[in-house]
């Protein structure tokens, strides 16, 4: 992931990818390599309030739990 320390919430977000969840934000870029500031990476967040859309404040949602139960063989679902 990088050389900086990883917060537990970021680690949980990345673990979510191992469980099959995709990012719930959009990443794009602006500019060109020849521009004075080169290419700038831009992220649009706030598309989802769950852990995959907001690794700082997002929570594991009921939908995420139900998806895991369905995928990995549980029997109960969260209302």
Protein backbone atom coordinates (compact mmCIF):
# COMPACT_ATOMS: atom_id res chain seq x y z
CA UNK A 1 0.00 0.00 0.00
CA UNK A 2 2.86 2.38 0.70
CA UNK A 3 5.56 3.36 3.15
CA UNK A 4 3.33 5.32 5.53
CA UNK A 5 1.61 3.70 8.53
CA UNK A 6 -1.79 2.19 7.71
CA UNK A 7 -4.76 3.02 9.91
CA UNK A 8 -7.00 0.18 11.07
CA UNK A 9 -9.89 1.67 9.07
CA UNK A 10 -7.84 1.80 5.87
CA UNK A 11 -6.77 -1.78 6.48
CA UNK A 12 -10.43 -2.76 6.96
CA UNK A 13 -11.30 -1.02 3.68
CA UNK A 14 -8.54 -2.90 1.86
CA UNK A 15 -9.63 -6.18 3.49
CA UNK A 16 -13.10 -5.46 2.10
CA UNK A 17 -11.55 -5.77 -1.36
CA UNK A 18 -10.31 -9.26 -0.46
CA UNK A 19 -13.90 -10.12 0.45
CA UNK A 20 -15.08 -8.95 -2.97
CA UNK A 21 -16.29 -5.40 -2.35
CA UNK A 22 -15.39 -2.68 -4.84
CA UNK A 23 -14.52 0.94 -4.10
CA UNK A 24 -17.59 3.17 -3.78
CA UNK A 25 -15.85 6.29 -5.03
CA UNK A 26 -14.68 7.49 -8.42
CA UNK A 27 -11.05 8.20 -9.21
CA UNK A 28 -9.98 10.19 -12.23
CA UNK A 29 -7.26 12.53 -13.33
CA UNK A 30 -6.85 16.05 -14.59
CA UNK A 31 -4.02 17.49 -16.63
CA UNK A 32 -1.28 16.08 -18.81
CA UNK A 33 2.25 14.86 -18.07
CA UNK A 34 3.68 17.96 -19.79
CA UNK A 35 1.69 20.42 -17.64
CA UNK A 36 3.55 22.40 -14.95
CA UNK A 37 1.96 20.23 -12.22
CA UNK A 38 1.75 17.08 -14.35
CA UNK A 39 -1.24 14.81 -13.89
CA UNK A 40 -3.34 15.35 -10.78
CA UNK A 41 -5.32 12.41 -9.38
CA UNK A 42 -8.85 13.41 -8.33
CA UNK A 43 -11.21 11.36 -6.15
CA UNK A 44 -14.94 11.98 -5.86
CA UNK A 45 -16.12 10.58 -2.56
CA UNK A 46 -19.46 10.66 -0.80
CA UNK A 47 -21.08 8.28 -3.29
CA UNK A 48 -21.64 5.83 -0.45
CA UNK A 49 -21.41 6.19 3.31
CA UNK A 50 -20.26 2.62 3.91
CA UNK A 51 -16.68 1.50 4.54
CA UNK A 52 -15.95 1.09 0.83
CA UNK A 53 -17.03 4.64 0.05
CA UNK A 54 -15.61 6.36 3.13
CA UNK A 55 -12.72 4.61 4.85
CA UNK A 56 -12.45 7.41 7.42
CA UNK A 57 -16.03 7.50 8.78
CA UNK A 58 -17.88 4.75 6.88
CA UNK A 59 -19.28 1.70 8.59
CA UNK A 60 -19.90 -1.87 7.52
CA UNK A 61 -23.46 -1.62 6.22
CA UNK A 62 -26.30 -4.09 6.57
CA UNK A 63 -26.08 -4.60 2.80
CA UNK A 64 -22.42 -5.56 3.10
CA UNK A 65 -23.20 -8.03 5.88
CA UNK A 66 -26.04 -9.58 3.88
CA UNK A 67 -23.77 -9.87 0.83
CA UNK A 68 -21.17 -11.72 2.91
CA UNK A 69 -23.79 -14.04 4.39
CA UNK A 70 -25.16 -14.82 0.93
CA UNK A 71 -21.70 -15.37 -0.55
CA UNK A 72 -20.19 -17.42 2.25
CA UNK A 73 -23.11 -19.55 3.37
CA UNK A 74 -24.66 -17.95 6.43
CA UNK A 75 -28.35 -18.36 7.22
CA UNK A 76 -29.46 -15.19 8.99
CA UNK A 77 -29.63 -11.74 7.49
CA UNK A 78 -29.68 -8.31 9.05
CA UNK A 79 -33.08 -6.61 8.68
